[in-house]
Amino acid sequence: MEMVVDRHLRGETLALVPLQLNQHAHRAGKSMESALYQFVVRVEKALDQQETALGDFFYIEGAFNNTWYDAMCNVLVRHGSEYTIVRWIRANLEGRVVIATHTMDLP
């Protein structure tokens, strides 16, 4: 089912309302490295043209895990995702359960 949803989001929803071009996360062929490379190219260009270059870096630990499900679902709706897909994604997010077991060998 996940592949069907992924195919729908990439093939239909994002085809109609694509992500911003500078979005590097969660995009095929893009990564932290491609974002840094793009930044370095811009800084080098500014320095070559004797302009000022300024960078601002921040990292939000657990950003995805701390994002409200309503906010994620609202973005999907604004991007034109089908209601059924949004409900399925929400159910998967809200229904996440972690079960951990630990065994200890006693001497």
PDB file of N, CA and C in Angstrom:
ATOM      1  N   MET A   1       0.829  -1.202   0.000  1.00  0.00           N
ATOM      2  CA  MET A   1       0.000   0.000   0.000  1.00  0.00           C
ATOM      3  C   MET A   1       0.867   1.257   0.000  1.00  0.00           C
ATOM      4  N   GLU A   2       1.996   1.205   0.722  1.00  0.00           N
ATOM      5  CA  GLU A   2       2.849   2.392   0.784  1.00  0.00           C
ATOM      6  C   GLU A   2       3.350   2.798  -0.589  1.00  0.00           C
ATOM      7  N   MET A   3       3.671   1.804  -1.436  1.00  0.00           N
ATOM      8  CA  MET A   3       4.159   2.129  -2.776  1.00  0.00           C
ATOM      9  C   MET A   3       3.065   2.778  -3.614  1.00  0.00           C
ATOM     10  N   VAL A   4       1.832   2.351  -3.416  1.00  0.00           N
ATOM     11  CA  VAL A   4       0.708   2.949  -4.148  1.00  0.00           C
ATOM     12  C   VAL A   4       0.548   4.408  -3.730  1.00  0.00           C
ATOM     13  N   VAL A   5       0.630   4.670  -2.437  1.00  0.00           N
ATOM     14  CA  VAL A   5       0.512   6.044  -1.933  1.00  0.00           C
ATOM     15  C   VAL A   5       1.671   6.882  -2.444  1.00  0.00           C
ATOM     16  N   ASP A   6       2.890   6.352  -2.364  1.00  0.00           N
ATOM     17  CA  ASP A   6       4.065   7.086  -2.841  1.00  0.00           C
ATOM     18  C   ASP A   6       3.928   7.405  -4.323  1.00  0.00           C
ATOM     19  N   ARG A   7       3.504   6.431  -5.108  1.00  0.00           N
ATOM     20  CA  ARG A   7       3.324   6.636  -6.548  1.00  0.00           C
ATOM     21  C   ARG A   7       2.261   7.705  -6.808  1.00  0.00           C
ATOM     22  N   HIS A   8       1.181   7.665  -6.026  1.00  0.00           N
ATOM     23  CA  HIS A   8       0.117   8.673  -6.190  1.00  0.00           C
ATOM     24  C   HIS A   8       0.645  10.075  -5.866  1.00  0.00           C
ATOM     25  N   LEU A   9       1.338  10.189  -4.724  1.00  0.00           N
ATOM     26  CA  LEU A   9       1.824  11.515  -4.316  1.00  0.00           C
ATOM     27  C   LEU A   9       2.829  12.068  -5.318  1.00  0.00           C
ATOM     28  N   ARG A  10       3.775  11.242  -5.737  1.00  0.00           N
ATOM     29  CA  ARG A  10       4.797  11.716  -6.683  1.00  0.00           C
ATOM     30  C   ARG A  10       4.242  11.919  -8.088  1.00  0.00           C
ATOM     31  N   GLY A  11       3.397  10.994  -8.545  1.00  0.00           N
ATOM     32  CA  GLY A  11       2.920  11.033  -9.919  1.00  0.00           C
ATOM     33  C   GLY A  11       1.762  11.974 -10.169  1.00  0.00           C
ATOM     34  N   GLU A  12       0.955  12.195  -9.159  1.00  0.00           N
ATOM     35  CA  GLU A  12      -0.233  13.030  -9.370  1.00  0.00           C
ATOM     36  C   GLU A  12      -0.186  14.319  -8.559  1.00  0.00           C
ATOM     37  N   THR A  13      -0.151  14.181  -7.246  1.00  0.00           N
ATOM     38  CA  THR A  13      -0.227  15.363  -6.384  1.00  0.00           C
ATOM     39  C   THR A  13       0.938  16.315  -6.629  1.00  0.00           C
ATOM     40  N   LEU A  14       2.156  15.798  -6.557  1.00  0.00           N
ATOM     41  CA  LEU A  14       3.318  16.674  -6.724  1.00  0.00           C
ATOM     42  C   LEU A  14       3.520  17.099  -8.172  1.00  0.00           C
ATOM     43  N   ALA A  15       2.929  16.373  -9.115  1.00  0.00           N
ATOM     44  CA  ALA A  15       2.991  16.799 -10.512  1.00  0.00           C
ATOM     45  C   ALA A  15       2.155  18.061 -10.705  1.00  0.00           C
ATOM     46  N   LEU A  16       1.047  18.157  -9.973  1.00  0.00           N
ATOM     47  CA  LEU A  16       0.177  19.330 -10.083  1.00  0.00           C
ATOM     48  C   LEU A  16       0.679  20.499  -9.252  1.00  0.00           C
ATOM     49  N   VAL A  17       1.173  20.206  -8.035  1.00  0.00           N
ATOM     50  CA  VAL A  17       1.683  21.245  -7.131  1.00  0.00           C
ATOM     51  C   VAL A  17       3.048  20.777  -6.633  1.00  0.00           C
ATOM     52  N   PRO A  18       4.102  21.033  -7.412  1.00  0.00           N
ATOM     53  CA  PRO A  18       5.424  20.522  -7.050  1.00  0.00           C
ATOM     54  C   PRO A  18       6.005  21.213  -5.814  1.00  0.00           C
ATOM     55  N   LEU A  19       6.966  20.518  -5.198  1.00  0.00           N
ATOM     56  CA  LEU A  19       7.699  21.109  -4.079  1.00  0.00           C
ATOM     57  C   LEU A  19       8.538  22.269  -4.588  1.00  0.00           C
ATOM     58  N   GLN A  20       8.915  23.149  -3.707  1.00  0.00           N
ATOM     59  CA  GLN A  20       9.770  24.276  -4.047  1.00  0.00           C
ATOM     60  C   GLN A  20      11.100  23.729  -4.576  1.00  0.00           C
ATOM     61  N   LEU A  21      11.672  24.345  -5.592  1.00  0.00           N
ATOM     62  CA  LEU A  21      12.878  23.822  -6.238  1.00  0.00           C
ATOM     63  C   LEU A  21      14.067  23.679  -5.294  1.00  0.00           C
ATOM     64  N   ASN A  22      14.148  24.519  -4.278  1.00  0.00           N
ATOM     65  CA  ASN A  22      15.276  24.430  -3.351  1.00  0.00           C
ATOM     66  C   ASN A  22      15.045  23.423  -2.226  1.00  0.00           C
ATOM     67  N   GLN A  23      13.937  22.706  -2.269  1.00  0.00           N
ATOM     68  CA  GLN A  23      13.666  21.658  -1.288  1.00  0.00           C
ATOM     69  C   GLN A  23      14.581  20.475  -1.590  1.00  0.00           C
ATOM     70  N   HIS A  24      15.418  20.098  -0.646  1.00  0.00           N
ATOM     71  CA  HIS A  24      16.340  18.983  -0.862  1.00  0.00           C
ATOM     72  C   HIS A  24      15.913  17.729  -0.113  1.00  0.00           C
ATOM     73  N   ALA A  25      15.232  17.875   0.994  1.00  0.00           N
ATOM     74  CA  ALA A  25      14.814  16.702   1.761  1.00  0.00           C
ATOM     75  C   ALA A  25      13.660  15.999   1.057  1.00  0.00           C
ATOM     76  N   HIS A  26      13.660  14.683   1.100  1.00  0.00           N
ATOM     77  CA  HIS A  26      12.579  13.858   0.574  1.00  0.00           C
ATOM     78  C   HIS A  26      12.351  14.040  -0.917  1.00  0.00           C
ATOM     79  N   ARG A  27      13.439  14.277  -1.654  1.00  0.00           N
ATOM     80  CA  ARG A  27      13.337  14.399  -3.106  1.00  0.00           C
ATOM     81  C   ARG A  27      14.383  13.508  -3.740  1.00  0.00           C
ATOM     82  N   ALA A  28      13.979  12.789  -4.768  1.00  0.00           N
ATOM     83  CA  ALA A  28      14.902  11.901  -5.471  1.00  0.00           C
ATOM     84  C   ALA A  28      16.070  12.710  -6.032  1.00  0.00           C
ATOM     85  N   GLY A  29      17.281  12.215  -5.815  1.00  0.00           N
ATOM     86  CA  GLY A  29      18.468  12.871  -6.343  1.00  0.00           C
ATOM     87  C   GLY A  29      18.932  14.071  -5.545  1.00  0.00           C
ATOM     88  N   LYS A  30      18.257  14.366  -4.451  1.00  0.00           N
ATOM     89  CA  LYS A  30      18.653  15.501  -3.606  1.00  0.00           C
ATOM     90  C   LYS A  30      18.952  14.977  -2.213  1.00  0.00           C
ATOM     91  N   SER A  31      19.819  15.697  -1.507  1.00  0.00           N
ATOM     92  CA  SER A  31      20.233  15.255  -0.176  1.00  0.00           C
ATOM     93  C   SER A  31      20.848  16.438   0.561  1.00  0.00           C
ATOM     94  N   MET A  32      21.329  16.165   1.761  1.00  0.00           N
ATOM     95  CA  MET A  32      22.051  17.193   2.511  1.00  0.00           C
ATOM     96  C   MET A  32      23.280  17.638   1.715  1.00  0.00           C
ATOM     97  N   GLU A  33      23.930  16.680   1.064  1.00  0.00           N
ATOM     98  CA  GLU A  33      25.117  17.007   0.275  1.00  0.00           C
ATOM     99  C   GLU A  33      24.785  17.927  -0.891  1.00  0.00           C
ATOM    100  N   SER A  34      23.662  17.677  -1.560  1.00  0.00           N
ATOM    101  CA  SER A  34      23.303  18.544  -2.689  1.00  0.00           C
ATOM    102  C   SER A  34      22.928  19.943  -2.205  1.00  0.00           C
ATOM    103  N   ALA A  35      22.314  20.032  -1.024  1.00  0.00           N
ATOM    104  CA  ALA A  35      21.991  21.343  -0.457  1.00  0.00           C
ATOM    105  C   ALA A  35      23.263  22.102  -0.113  1.00  0.00           C
ATOM    106  N   LEU A  36      24.223  21.424   0.505  1.00  0.00           N
ATOM    107  CA  LEU A  36      25.496  22.078   0.848  1.00  0.00           C
ATOM    108  C   LEU A  36      26.263  22.483  -0.406  1.00  0.00           C
ATOM    109  N   TYR A  37      26.254  21.630  -1.416  1.00  0.00           N
ATOM    110  CA  TYR A  37      26.932  21.952  -2.669  1.00  0.00           C
ATOM    111  C   TYR A  37      26.328  23.211  -3.295  1.00  0.00           C
ATOM    112  N   GLN A  38      24.998  23.270  -3.329  1.00  0.00           N
ATOM    113  CA  GLN A  38      24.322  24.448  -3.890  1.00  0.00           C
ATOM    114  C   GLN A  38      24.706  25.704  -3.110  1.00  0.00           C
ATOM    115  N   PHE A  39      24.783  25.580  -1.790  1.00  0.00           N
ATOM    116  CA  PHE A  39      25.171  26.713  -0.949  1.00  0.00           C
ATOM    117  C   PHE A  39      26.601  27.152  -1.259  1.00  0.00           C
ATOM    118  N   VAL A  40      27.528  26.202  -1.341  1.00  0.00           N
ATOM    119  CA  VAL A  40      28.935  26.528  -1.609  1.00  0.00           C
ATOM    120  C   VAL A  40      29.083  27.213  -2.963  1.00  0.00           C
ATOM    121  N   VAL A  41      28.362  26.739  -3.961  1.00  0.00           N
ATOM    122  CA  VAL A  41      28.415  27.359  -5.293  1.00  0.00           C
ATOM    123  C   VAL A  41      27.965  28.817  -5.212  1.00  0.00           C
ATOM    124  N   ARG A  42      26.905  29.081  -4.468  1.00  0.00           N
ATOM    125  CA  ARG A  42      26.409  30.464  -4.340  1.00  0.00           C
ATOM    126  C   ARG A  42      27.406  31.351  -3.589  1.00  0.00           C
ATOM    127  N   VAL A  43      28.014  30.818  -2.538  1.00  0.00           N
ATOM    128  CA  VAL A  43      28.995  31.595  -1.771  1.00  0.00           C
ATOM    129  C   VAL A  43      30.207  31.890  -2.643  1.00  0.00           C
ATOM    130  N   GLU A  44      30.712  30.880  -3.354  1.00  0.00           N
ATOM    131  CA  GLU A  44      31.875  31.096  -4.222  1.00  0.00           C
ATOM    132  C   GLU A  44      31.583  32.123  -5.301  1.00  0.00           C
ATOM    133  N   LYS A  45      30.392  32.077  -5.864  1.00  0.00           N
ATOM    134  CA  LYS A  45      30.004  33.056  -6.891  1.00  0.00           C
ATOM    135  C   LYS A  45      29.987  34.470  -6.302  1.00  0.00           C
ATOM    136  N   ALA A  46      29.412  34.609  -5.105  1.00  0.00           N
ATOM    137  CA  ALA A  46      29.369  35.924  -4.454  1.00  0.00           C
ATOM    138  C   ALA A  46      30.773  36.432  -4.165  1.00  0.00           C
ATOM    139  N   LEU A  47      31.627  35.572  -3.666  1.00  0.00           N
ATOM    140  CA  LEU A  47      33.004  35.986  -3.356  1.00  0.00           C
ATOM    141  C   LEU A  47      33.774  36.344  -4.618  1.00  0.00           C
ATOM    142  N   ASP A  48      33.578  35.565  -5.696  1.00  0.00           N
ATOM    143  CA  ASP A  48      34.241  35.874  -6.966  1.00  0.00           C
ATOM    144  C   ASP A  48      33.826  37.240  -7.496  1.00  0.00           C
ATOM    145  N   GLN A  49      32.594  37.633  -7.211  1.00  0.00           N
ATOM    146  CA  GLN A  49      32.084  38.923  -7.675  1.00  0.00           C
ATOM    147  C   GLN A  49      32.254  40.006  -6.616  1.00  0.00           C
ATOM    148  N   GLN A  50      33.056  39.716  -5.606  1.00  0.00           N
ATOM    149  CA  GLN A  50      33.361  40.632  -4.504  1.00  0.00           C
ATOM    150  C   GLN A  50      32.084  41.149  -3.826  1.00  0.00           C
ATOM    151  N   GLU A  51      31.125  40.234  -3.675  1.00  0.00           N
ATOM    152  CA  GLU A  51      29.903  40.553  -2.958  1.00  0.00           C
ATOM    153  C   GLU A  51      29.999  39.963  -1.557  1.00  0.00           C
ATOM    154  N   THR A  52      29.044  40.298  -0.726  1.00  0.00           N
ATOM    155  CA  THR A  52      28.995  39.755   0.629  1.00  0.00           C
ATOM    156  C   THR A  52      28.195  38.461   0.615  1.00  0.00           C
ATOM    157  N   ALA A  53      28.678  37.472   1.348  1.00  0.00           N
ATOM    158  CA  ALA A  53      27.962  36.198   1.462  1.00  0.00           C
ATOM    159  C   ALA A  53      27.653  35.960   2.931  1.00  0.00           C
ATOM    160  N   LEU A  54      26.432  35.592   3.210  1.00  0.00           N
ATOM    161  CA  LEU A  54      26.005  35.345   4.581  1.00  0.00           C
ATOM    162  C   LEU A  54      25.277  34.011   4.632  1.00  0.00           C
ATOM    163  N   GLY A  55      25.602  33.186   5.625  1.00  0.00           N
ATOM    164  CA  GLY A  55      24.944  31.893   5.774  1.00  0.00           C
ATOM    165  C   GLY A  55      24.308  31.781   7.142  1.00  0.00           C
ATOM    166  N   ASP A  56      23.183  31.100   7.194  1.00  0.00           N
ATOM    167  CA  ASP A  56      22.468  30.862   8.445  1.00  0.00           C
ATOM    168  C   ASP A  56      22.136  29.374   8.490  1.00  0.00           C
ATOM    169  N   PHE A  57      22.617  28.679   9.500  1.00  0.00           N
ATOM    170  CA  PHE A  57      22.420  27.239   9.598  1.00  0.00           C
ATOM    171  C   PHE A  57      21.662  26.917  10.876  1.00  0.00           C
ATOM    172  N   PHE A  58      20.725  26.013  10.763  1.00  0.00           N
ATOM    173  CA  PHE A  58      20.043  25.537  11.960  1.00  0.00           C
ATOM    174  C   PHE A  58      19.581  24.104  11.729  1.00  0.00           C
ATOM    175  N   TYR A  59      19.467  23.395  12.798  1.00  0.00           N
ATOM    176  CA  TYR A  59      19.038  22.006  12.749  1.00  0.00           C
ATOM    177  C   TYR A  59      17.961  21.827  13.806  1.00  0.00           C
ATOM    178  N   ILE A  60      16.857  21.247  13.423  1.00  0.00           N
ATOM    179  CA  ILE A  60      15.774  21.012  14.363  1.00  0.00           C
ATOM    180  C   ILE A  60      15.702  19.511  14.604  1.00  0.00           C
ATOM    181  N   GLU A  61      16.200  19.085  15.759  1.00  0.00           N
ATOM    182  CA  GLU A  61      16.210  17.666  16.075  1.00  0.00           C
ATOM    183  C   GLU A  61      14.775  17.152  16.225  1.00  0.00           C
ATOM    184  N   GLY A  62      14.502  16.067  15.555  1.00  0.00           N
ATOM    185  CA  GLY A  62      13.171  15.462  15.653  1.00  0.00           C
ATOM    186  C   GLY A  62      12.080  16.295  15.002  1.00  0.00           C
ATOM    187  N   ALA A  63      12.426  17.098  14.001  1.00  0.00           N
ATOM    188  CA  ALA A  63      11.434  17.989  13.389  1.00  0.00           C
ATOM    189  C   ALA A  63      10.218  17.223  12.876  1.00  0.00           C
ATOM    190  N   PHE A  64      10.440  16.123  12.194  1.00  0.00           N
ATOM    191  CA  PHE A  64       9.304  15.360  11.664  1.00  0.00           C
ATOM    192  C   PHE A  64       8.488  14.749  12.790  1.00  0.00           C
ATOM    193  N   ASN A  65       9.161  14.184  13.787  1.00  0.00           N
ATOM    194  CA  ASN A  65       8.451  13.523  14.882  1.00  0.00           C
ATOM    195  C   ASN A  65       7.660  14.495  15.746  1.00  0.00           C
ATOM    196  N   ASN A  66       8.008  15.771  15.708  1.00  0.00           N
ATOM    197  CA  ASN A  66       7.331  16.756  16.542  1.00  0.00           C
ATOM    198  C   ASN A  66       6.370  17.644  15.760  1.00  0.00           C
ATOM    199  N   THR A  67       6.153  17.336  14.495  1.00  0.00           N
ATOM    200  CA  THR A  67       5.227  18.111  13.675  1.00  0.00           C
ATOM    201  C   THR A  67       3.807  17.593  13.911  1.00  0.00           C
ATOM    202  N   TRP A  68       2.869  18.492  14.046  1.00  0.00           N
ATOM    203  CA  TRP A  68       1.479  18.104  14.271  1.00  0.00           C
ATOM    204  C   TRP A  68       0.942  17.387  13.045  1.00  0.00           C
ATOM    205  N   TYR A  69       0.194  16.312  13.290  1.00  0.00           N
ATOM    206  CA  TYR A  69      -0.389  15.555  12.196  1.00  0.00           C
ATOM    207  C   TYR A  69      -1.359  16.415  11.396  1.00  0.00           C
ATOM    208  N   ASP A  70      -2.090  17.293  12.080  1.00  0.00           N
ATOM    209  CA  ASP A  70      -3.015  18.189  11.377  1.00  0.00           C
ATOM    210  C   ASP A  70      -2.268  19.037  10.356  1.00  0.00           C
ATOM    211  N   ALA A  71      -1.102  19.542  10.737  1.00  0.00           N
ATOM    212  CA  ALA A  71      -0.322  20.386   9.827  1.00  0.00           C
ATOM    213  C   ALA A  71       0.103  19.595   8.595  1.00  0.00           C
ATOM    214  N   MET A  72       0.573  18.368   8.799  1.00  0.00           N
ATOM    215  CA  MET A  72       0.993  17.543   7.661  1.00  0.00           C
ATOM    216  C   MET A  72      -0.186  17.234   6.743  1.00  0.00           C
ATOM    217  N   CYS A  73      -1.302  16.884   7.331  1.00  0.00           N
ATOM    218  CA  CYS A  73      -2.483  16.540   6.530  1.00  0.00           C
ATOM    219  C   CYS A  73      -3.032  17.762   5.800  1.00  0.00           C
ATOM    220  N   ASN A  74      -2.992  18.925   6.432  1.00  0.00           N
ATOM    221  CA  ASN A  74      -3.454  20.157   5.775  1.00  0.00           C
ATOM    222  C   ASN A  74      -2.611  20.479   4.550  1.00  0.00           C
ATOM    223  N   VAL A  75      -1.304  20.249   4.637  1.00  0.00           N
ATOM    224  CA  VAL A  75      -0.432  20.487   3.480  1.00  0.00           C
ATOM    225  C   VAL A  75      -0.777  19.522   2.355  1.00  0.00           C
ATOM    226  N   LEU A  76      -1.021  18.258   2.708  1.00  0.00           N
ATOM    227  CA  LEU A  76      -1.414  17.288   1.684  1.00  0.00           C
ATOM    228  C   LEU A  76      -2.704  17.717   0.992  1.00  0.00           C
ATOM    229  N   VAL A  77      -3.674  18.195   1.761  1.00  0.00           N
ATOM    230  CA  VAL A  77      -4.946  18.660   1.190  1.00  0.00           C
ATOM    231  C   VAL A  77      -4.699  19.862   0.278  1.00  0.00           C
ATOM    232  N   ARG A  78      -3.877  20.817   0.732  1.00  0.00           N
ATOM    233  CA  ARG A  78      -3.578  21.998  -0.092  1.00  0.00           C
ATOM    234  C   ARG A  78      -2.869  21.623  -1.389  1.00  0.00           C
ATOM    235  N   HIS A  79      -2.110  20.537  -1.361  1.00  0.00           N
ATOM    236  CA  HIS A  79      -1.418  20.077  -2.568  1.00  0.00           C
ATOM    237  C   HIS A  79      -2.328  19.217  -3.446  1.00  0.00           C
ATOM    238  N   GLY A  80      -3.574  19.038  -3.047  1.00  0.00           N
ATOM    239  CA  GLY A  80      -4.533  18.339  -3.882  1.00  0.00           C
ATOM    240  C   GLY A  80      -4.577  16.835  -3.702  1.00  0.00           C
ATOM    241  N   SER A  81      -4.025  16.320  -2.611  1.00  0.00           N
ATOM    242  CA  SER A  81      -4.074  14.877  -2.372  1.00  0.00           C
ATOM    243  C   SER A  81      -5.510  14.432  -2.144  1.00  0.00           C
ATOM    244  N   GLU A  82      -5.793  13.229  -2.594  1.00  0.00           N
ATOM    245  CA  GLU A  82      -7.136  12.677  -2.403  1.00  0.00           C
ATOM    246  C   GLU A  82      -7.390  12.452  -0.917  1.00  0.00           C
ATOM    247  N   TYR A  83      -8.651  12.623  -0.526  1.00  0.00           N
ATOM    248  CA  TYR A  83      -9.046  12.491   0.869  1.00  0.00           C
ATOM    249  C   TYR A  83      -8.682  11.115   1.433  1.00  0.00           C
ATOM    250  N   THR A  84      -8.873  10.075   0.640  1.00  0.00           N
ATOM    251  CA  THR A  84      -8.568   8.715   1.094  1.00  0.00           C
ATOM    252  C   THR A  84      -7.083   8.566   1.418  1.00  0.00           C
ATOM    253  N   ILE A  85      -6.237   9.145   0.585  1.00  0.00           N
ATOM    254  CA  ILE A  85      -4.782   9.074   0.804  1.00  0.00           C
ATOM    255  C   ILE A  85      -4.419   9.816   2.085  1.00  0.00           C
ATOM    256  N   VAL A  86      -4.988  10.993   2.280  1.00  0.00           N
ATOM    257  CA  VAL A  86      -4.701  11.787   3.485  1.00  0.00           C
ATOM    258  C   VAL A  86      -5.145  11.019   4.732  1.00  0.00           C
ATOM    259  N   ARG A  87      -6.312  10.405   4.671  1.00  0.00           N
ATOM    260  CA  ARG A  87      -6.799   9.612   5.819  1.00  0.00           C
ATOM    261  C   ARG A  87      -5.874   8.433   6.095  1.00  0.00           C
ATOM    262  N   TRP A  88      -5.382   7.768   5.054  1.00  0.00           N
ATOM    263  CA  TRP A  88      -4.489   6.623   5.218  1.00  0.00           C
ATOM    264  C   TRP A  88      -3.175   7.055   5.868  1.00  0.00           C
ATOM    265  N   ILE A  89      -2.621   8.165   5.385  1.00  0.00           N
ATOM    266  CA  ILE A  89      -1.366   8.675   5.958  1.00  0.00           C
ATOM    267  C   ILE A  89      -1.571   9.056   7.415  1.00  0.00           C
ATOM    268  N   ARG A  90      -2.653   9.748   7.703  1.00  0.00           N
ATOM    269  CA  ARG A  90      -2.935  10.147   9.087  1.00  0.00           C
ATOM    270  C   ARG A  90      -3.076   8.914   9.994  1.00  0.00           C
ATOM    271  N   ALA A  91      -3.777   7.904   9.534  1.00  0.00           N
ATOM    272  CA  ALA A  91      -3.951   6.685  10.324  1.00  0.00           C
ATOM    273  C   ALA A  91      -2.599   6.021  10.601  1.00  0.00           C
ATOM    274  N   ASN A  92      -1.718   6.045   9.604  1.00  0.00           N
ATOM    275  CA  ASN A  92      -0.389   5.461   9.816  1.00  0.00           C
ATOM    276  C   ASN A  92       0.438   6.279  10.795  1.00  0.00           C
ATOM    277  N   LEU A  93       0.330   7.583  10.734  1.00  0.00           N
ATOM    278  CA  LEU A  93       1.082   8.435  11.662  1.00  0.00           C
ATOM    279  C   LEU A  93       0.560   8.278  13.084  1.00  0.00           C
ATOM    280  N   GLU A  94      -0.756   8.317  13.231  1.00  0.00           N
ATOM    281  CA  GLU A  94      -1.346   8.242  14.572  1.00  0.00           C
ATOM    282  C   GLU A  94      -1.273   6.841  15.163  1.00  0.00           C
ATOM    283  N   GLY A  95      -1.188   5.848  14.305  1.00  0.00           N
ATOM    284  CA  GLY A  95      -1.203   4.480  14.791  1.00  0.00           C
ATOM    285  C   GLY A  95       0.167   3.878  15.038  1.00  0.00           C
ATOM    286  N   ARG A  96       1.220   4.696  14.989  1.00  0.00           N
ATOM    287  CA  ARG A  96       2.571   4.155  15.189  1.00  0.00           C
ATOM    288  C   ARG A  96       2.735   3.668  16.621  1.00  0.00           C
ATOM    289  N   VAL A  97       3.207   2.457  16.736  1.00  0.00           N
ATOM    290  CA  VAL A  97       3.455   1.863  18.043  1.00  0.00           C
ATOM    291  C   VAL A  97       4.831   1.228  18.012  1.00  0.00           C
ATOM    292  N   VAL A  98       5.584   1.437  19.061  1.00  0.00           N
ATOM    293  CA  VAL A  98       6.904   0.828  19.165  1.00  0.00           C
ATOM    294  C   VAL A  98       6.867  -0.193  20.288  1.00  0.00           C
ATOM    295  N   ILE A  99       7.293  -1.405  19.976  1.00  0.00           N
ATOM    296  CA  ILE A  99       7.383  -2.447  20.984  1.00  0.00           C
ATOM    297  C   ILE A  99       8.837  -2.889  21.043  1.00  0.00           C
ATOM    298  N   ALA A 100       9.412  -2.827  22.209  1.00  0.00           N
ATOM    299  CA  ALA A 100      10.815  -3.207  22.379  1.00  0.00           C
ATOM    300  C   ALA A 100      10.933  -4.284  23.438  1.00  0.00           C
ATOM    301  N   THR A 101      11.801  -5.219  23.185  1.00  0.00           N
ATOM    302  CA  THR A 101      12.085  -6.241  24.175  1.00  0.00           C
ATOM    303  C   THR A 101      13.585  -6.305  24.395  1.00  0.00           C
ATOM    304  N   HIS A 102      13.948  -6.664  25.571  1.00  0.00           N
ATOM    305  CA  HIS A 102      15.375  -6.774  25.895  1.00  0.00           C
ATOM    306  C   HIS A 102      15.567  -8.056  26.686  1.00  0.00           C
ATOM    307  N   THR A 103      16.487  -8.845  26.240  1.00  0.00           N
ATOM    308  CA  THR A 103      16.797 -10.052  26.987  1.00  0.00           C
ATOM    309  C   THR A 103      18.197  -9.904  27.561  1.00  0.00           C
ATOM    310  N   MET A 104      18.350 -10.410  28.737  1.00  0.00           N
ATOM    311  CA  MET A 104      19.637 -10.296  29.408  1.00  0.00           C
ATOM    312  C   MET A 104      20.104 -11.697  29.759  1.00  0.00           C
ATOM    313  N   ASP A 105      21.305 -12.014  29.350  1.00  0.00           N
ATOM    314  CA  ASP A 105      21.890 -13.298  29.727  1.00  0.00           C
ATOM    315  C   ASP A 105      22.439 -13.199  31.139  1.00  0.00           C
ATOM    316  N   LEU A 106      21.941 -14.045  31.987  1.00  0.00           N
ATOM    317  CA  LEU A 106      22.419 -14.066  33.374  1.00  0.00           C
ATOM    318  C   LEU A 106      23.560 -15.076  33.504  1.00  0.00           C
ATOM    319  N   PRO A 107      24.556 -14.766  34.334  1.00  0.00           N
ATOM    320  CA  PRO A 107      25.690 -15.705  34.491  1.00  0.00           C
ATOM    321  C   PRO A 107      25.286 -16.992  35.165  1.00  0.00           C
TER     322      PRO A 107
END
